[in-house]
């Protein structure tokens, strides 16, 4: 059900941007999931700031390229 972790996204100037995530994914997709998929809740944070939030509907769209990249990874993994 709940998954939590961090993903490092490479920065153009070197090093990594750390994105912390929480995802609630079910065994089957539903109308409440992202794109009708298995993820019904997802939060991404960078340095304590929410850069994406989905709670049975989009609350905060991806705020930067790192959030978009991590969301794509999580969608592949859990949705």
Protein backbone atom coordinates (compact mmCIF):
# COMPACT_ATOMS: atom_id res chain seq x y z
CA UNK A 1 0.00 0.00 0.00
CA UNK A 2 2.27 2.85 1.20
CA UNK A 3 5.73 3.30 -0.30
CA UNK A 4 8.27 5.89 0.81
CA UNK A 5 11.73 6.74 -0.41
CA UNK A 6 14.06 9.19 -2.07
CA UNK A 7 15.21 9.60 -5.65
CA UNK A 8 18.23 11.64 -6.68
CA UNK A 9 17.77 13.69 -9.84
CA UNK A 10 21.03 14.86 -11.48
CA UNK A 11 21.52 18.64 -11.60
CA UNK A 12 22.90 20.31 -14.72
CA UNK A 13 25.65 21.96 -12.68
CA UNK A 14 26.58 18.66 -11.00
CA UNK A 15 25.42 16.82 -7.95
CA UNK A 16 21.88 15.66 -7.23
CA UNK A 17 18.56 17.12 -6.18
CA UNK A 18 16.97 14.83 -3.58
CA UNK A 19 13.24 14.23 -4.00
CA UNK A 20 11.45 12.50 -1.14
CA UNK A 21 8.24 10.67 -2.03
CA UNK A 22 5.25 8.97 -0.45
CA UNK A 23 2.96 6.88 -2.67
CA UNK A 24 -0.20 4.92 -1.83
CA UNK A 25 -0.74 2.29 -4.53
CA UNK A 26 -3.37 -0.43 -4.66
CA UNK A 27 -3.35 -3.80 -6.45
CA UNK A 28 -5.82 -2.57 -9.06
CA UNK A 29 -6.52 0.76 -10.74
CA UNK A 30 -9.53 2.89 -9.89
CA UNK A 31 -11.29 6.09 -10.88
CA UNK A 32 -9.41 7.84 -8.06
CA UNK A 33 -5.98 6.76 -9.29
CA UNK A 34 -3.64 8.86 -11.37
CA UNK A 35 -4.83 8.33 -14.97
CA UNK A 36 -7.18 5.62 -13.64
CA UNK A 37 -4.20 3.67 -12.32
CA UNK A 38 -3.14 2.16 -9.01
CA UNK A 39 -1.67 5.30 -7.36
CA UNK A 40 -4.40 7.09 -5.38
CA UNK A 41 -2.13 9.34 -3.31
CA UNK A 42 1.33 10.75 -4.01
CA UNK A 43 3.41 13.51 -2.46
CA UNK A 44 6.82 14.72 -3.62
CA UNK A 45 8.97 17.09 -1.56
CA UNK A 46 12.26 18.84 -2.23
CA UNK A 47 13.95 20.43 0.81
CA UNK A 48 10.67 20.13 2.74
CA UNK A 49 8.63 21.93 0.06
CA UNK A 50 5.77 20.10 -1.66
CA UNK A 51 6.49 20.04 -5.40
CA UNK A 52 3.67 17.63 -6.32
CA UNK A 53 0.59 16.32 -4.53
CA UNK A 54 -2.20 14.01 -5.66
CA UNK A 55 -4.88 12.88 -3.22
CA UNK A 56 -7.60 11.17 -5.28
CA UNK A 57 -7.27 14.20 -7.53
CA UNK A 58 -4.53 16.67 -8.46
CA UNK A 59 -3.87 19.18 -5.68
CA UNK A 60 -0.42 20.53 -6.64
CA UNK A 61 0.86 19.96 -10.19
CA UNK A 62 4.59 19.25 -10.74
CA UNK A 63 6.42 22.43 -9.80
CA UNK A 64 9.68 21.75 -11.63
CA UNK A 65 11.48 19.36 -13.96
CA UNK A 66 12.76 17.21 -11.08
CA UNK A 67 9.18 16.63 -9.89
CA UNK A 68 8.13 15.67 -13.41
CA UNK A 69 11.01 13.20 -13.70
CA UNK A 70 10.33 11.55 -10.34
CA UNK A 71 6.60 11.36 -11.07
CA UNK A 72 7.39 9.56 -14.34
CA UNK A 73 9.59 7.07 -12.46
CA UNK A 74 6.90 6.44 -9.83
CA UNK A 75 4.20 6.05 -12.47
CA UNK A 76 6.31 3.41 -14.18
CA UNK A 77 7.03 1.63 -10.89
CA UNK A 78 3.62 1.73 -9.16
CA UNK A 79 0.88 2.68 -11.61
